[in-house]
Protein backbone atom coordinates (compact mmCIF):
# COMPACT_ATOMS: atom_id res chain seq x y z
CA MET A 1 -0.32 0.13 -0.04
CA ALA A 2 1.14 3.22 -0.82
CA SER A 3 1.46 5.96 2.19
CA VAL A 4 -1.78 8.43 2.69
CA ASP A 5 0.55 11.53 2.84
CA ASP A 6 -0.31 11.90 -0.88
CA LEU A 7 -4.17 11.90 -0.06
CA LYS A 8 -5.23 15.28 1.17
CA LEU A 9 -8.41 15.78 1.55
CA TRP A 10 -9.49 19.20 -0.48
CA SER A 11 -12.66 20.77 -1.84
CA GLY A 12 -12.09 19.32 -5.53
CA GLY A 13 -11.45 15.54 -3.97
CA ILE A 14 -9.43 13.53 -2.57
CA GLY A 15 -5.61 12.81 -3.66
CA ASP A 16 -5.21 12.77 -7.35
CA VAL A 17 -9.41 11.60 -7.89
CA ARG A 18 -11.42 14.95 -8.85
CA PHE A 19 -15.34 14.92 -7.65
CA GLY A 20 -17.57 13.79 -11.01
CA VAL A 21 -14.68 10.73 -12.07
CA ASP A 22 -16.31 7.16 -12.31
CA PRO A 23 -16.87 5.29 -9.28
CA GLU A 24 -14.87 2.02 -10.01
CA GLY A 25 -11.84 4.23 -11.07
CA VAL A 26 -11.80 5.47 -7.54
CA VAL A 27 -12.68 2.55 -5.58
CA THR A 28 -9.27 0.93 -7.41
CA TYR A 29 -7.19 4.54 -6.54
CA MET A 30 -8.31 4.01 -2.93
CA THR A 31 -7.86 0.46 -2.37
CA LYS A 32 -3.95 0.59 -3.88
CA ARG A 33 -3.28 2.98 -1.27
CA LEU A 34 -5.69 2.00 1.95
CA GLY A 35 -5.95 -1.37 1.06
CA ALA A 36 -9.86 -3.15 0.72
CA PRO A 37 -12.79 -1.35 2.07
CA THR A 38 -13.86 -1.86 5.19
CA GLU A 39 -17.82 -1.63 4.12
CA ASP A 40 -19.41 -1.11 0.53
CA SER A 41 -23.34 -0.31 0.51
CA GLY A 42 -23.62 -1.29 -3.19
CA TYR A 43 -25.70 1.02 -4.81
CA ILE A 44 -29.21 1.80 -2.69
CA ASP A 45 -31.68 4.42 -2.53
CA SER A 46 -30.47 8.02 -2.49
CA TYR A 47 -32.63 8.92 0.90
CA SER A 48 -31.06 6.21 3.26
CA ALA A 49 -28.62 5.97 6.09
CA PHE A 50 -26.35 8.78 4.37
CA GLY A 51 -29.00 10.67 4.03
CA SER A 52 -30.85 12.28 1.55
CA CYS A 53 -28.45 12.77 -0.89
CA PRO A 54 -29.13 13.71 -4.33
CA GLY A 55 -30.15 11.39 -7.27
CA SER A 56 -32.05 8.19 -7.35
CA ARG A 57 -28.96 6.08 -6.06
CA VAL A 58 -26.00 6.23 -3.67
CA ARG A 59 -23.27 3.94 -3.36
CA GLY A 60 -20.97 4.54 -0.28
CA VAL A 61 -17.63 2.64 0.44
CA ARG A 62 -15.74 3.25 3.41
CA TRP A 63 -12.37 2.58 4.66
CA GLY A 64 -12.67 2.86 8.57
CA ASP A 65 -13.37 6.32 8.98
CA LEU A 66 -12.88 8.17 5.73
CA LEU A 67 -16.55 7.50 3.70
CA LEU A 68 -16.71 7.94 0.10
CA LEU A 69 -19.94 8.61 -1.91
CA PHE A 70 -21.07 8.00 -5.30
CA GLY A 71 -24.12 8.56 -6.66
CA ASP A 72 -26.25 9.34 -10.28
CA GLU A 73 -26.87 12.76 -9.93
CA SER A 74 -25.14 16.16 -8.10
CA THR A 75 -23.80 19.35 -8.97
CA VAL A 76 -20.76 18.10 -10.31
CA VAL A 77 -22.27 15.81 -12.87
CA ASP A 78 -26.26 14.76 -14.21
CA GLY A 79 -27.34 11.86 -15.45
CA ARG A 80 -24.31 8.75 -15.14
CA LEU A 81 -22.88 7.28 -11.91
CA HIS A 82 -19.94 9.53 -10.44
CA PHE A 83 -17.58 10.57 -7.31
CA PHE A 84 -19.34 13.19 -5.16
CA SER A 85 -18.46 13.45 -1.95
CA TRP A 86 -16.12 12.47 1.10
CA LYS A 87 -16.31 12.24 4.96
CA TYR A 88 -13.53 11.86 7.42
CA GLY A 89 -14.33 11.88 11.21
CA PRO A 90 -14.27 8.65 13.59
CA MET A 91 -16.74 6.43 13.45
CA SER A 92 -15.88 4.71 16.60
CA GLY A 93 -12.70 4.20 18.73
CA SER A 94 -10.52 6.90 19.53
CA ALA A 95 -7.76 6.20 16.51
CA LEU A 96 -8.60 7.34 13.12
CA VAL A 97 -8.41 4.95 10.40
CA PRO A 98 -6.66 5.75 7.94
CA PRO A 99 -4.17 8.05 9.95
CA ASN A 100 -3.33 11.44 9.86
CA LEU A 101 -5.63 12.17 6.59
CA ARG A 102 -5.86 16.40 6.24
CA THR A 103 -6.65 19.19 3.95
CA GLU A 104 -4.02 20.74 1.76
CA ALA A 105 -3.47 23.42 4.45
CA GLY A 106 -2.91 21.13 7.30
CA VAL A 107 -6.68 20.84 8.53
CA THR A 108 -7.44 17.79 10.31
CA ILE A 109 -9.56 15.77 13.03
CA GLY A 110 -8.36 17.42 16.55
CA SER A 111 -7.71 20.94 14.52
CA THR A 112 -8.52 23.77 16.78
CA VAL A 113 -11.21 26.35 15.89
CA ALA A 114 -7.85 29.11 16.30
CA ASP A 115 -5.85 26.70 13.94
CA LEU A 116 -8.90 26.77 11.64
CA ARG A 117 -8.77 30.52 11.87
CA ARG A 118 -4.55 30.95 11.20
CA LEU A 119 -4.76 28.33 8.16
CA HIS A 120 -8.11 30.16 6.66
CA PRO A 121 -8.93 33.47 7.39
CA SER A 122 -11.68 33.43 5.61
CA VAL A 123 -13.71 30.42 7.14
CA GLU A 124 -17.23 30.57 8.29
CA ILE A 125 -17.26 29.69 12.25
CA PHE A 126 -21.23 28.92 13.42
CA SER A 127 -23.39 27.06 15.62
CA ASP A 128 -26.77 25.64 14.01
CA GLU A 129 -29.52 24.72 16.91
CA ILE A 130 -30.00 21.60 14.85
CA PHE A 131 -26.75 20.53 13.85
CA GLY A 132 -24.22 22.19 16.32
CA ALA A 133 -21.15 23.79 15.91
CA GLY A 134 -19.14 23.72 12.51
CA PHE A 135 -17.31 25.69 9.23
CA GLU A 136 -17.13 26.22 6.13
CA ILE A 137 -13.76 26.97 4.32
CA GLU A 138 -15.36 27.21 0.98
CA ARG A 139 -18.98 25.46 -0.03
CA THR A 140 -17.49 21.84 -0.72
CA LEU A 141 -15.07 21.96 2.07
CA SER A 142 -16.69 21.71 5.53
CA GLY A 143 -17.25 20.37 9.27
CA THR A 144 -18.23 20.02 12.65
CA LEU A 145 -16.66 21.47 15.61
CA SER A 146 -16.94 20.15 19.41
CA SER A 147 -17.42 24.14 19.89
CA THR A 148 -17.16 27.09 18.70
CA GLU A 149 -14.58 28.43 20.72
CA SER A 150 -10.93 28.76 20.07
CA SER A 151 -10.57 25.53 21.63
CA GLY A 152 -13.04 23.97 20.04
CA ARG A 153 -11.61 20.93 17.80
CA VAL A 154 -12.58 19.63 14.34
CA THR A 155 -14.66 16.70 14.52
CA VAL A 156 -15.53 15.83 11.47
CA LEU A 157 -14.20 16.89 8.00
CA TYR A 158 -16.76 16.78 4.45
CA GLY A 159 -15.51 17.73 1.03
CA GLY A 160 -17.94 17.68 -1.98
CA ILE A 161 -21.64 17.68 -1.67
CA THR A 162 -23.21 16.91 1.43
CA CYS A 163 -26.82 14.81 1.68
CA GLY A 164 -29.54 16.14 3.88
CA GLU A 165 -30.75 14.63 7.21
């Protein structure tokens, strides 16, 4: 397996893979770097455990705490199956698998709000009555926080088009 160092989380995809590309190519790319997926839902109805996703079908492929979503419609591509979202954050336990995934600027699980503000001066930090504390670096790069205080920590990172609740 290759190092996860080349798997930067970014607003347009992960590593060398851009949103909008063929699902099987993405799964092959990720498997070469992380090994076999720990879970693959196959294509299911877009209203599922992943939330209310765009289109009519969604597939979630997980490597531990990293989830990639594929579907047949998003703001990236319409009418064919493609990669449209990633989520990185702990499912259970304390050690992240794969470990040390981070954005191009260095934001990762456990980064503080102060780190976010330093690395991304224009970051929007907010508190939502339903979803709690969160941040948005770009429309397609966001996450959740333990609190909005400077010492608050990143708990989940999202890239791409997220599925609604």
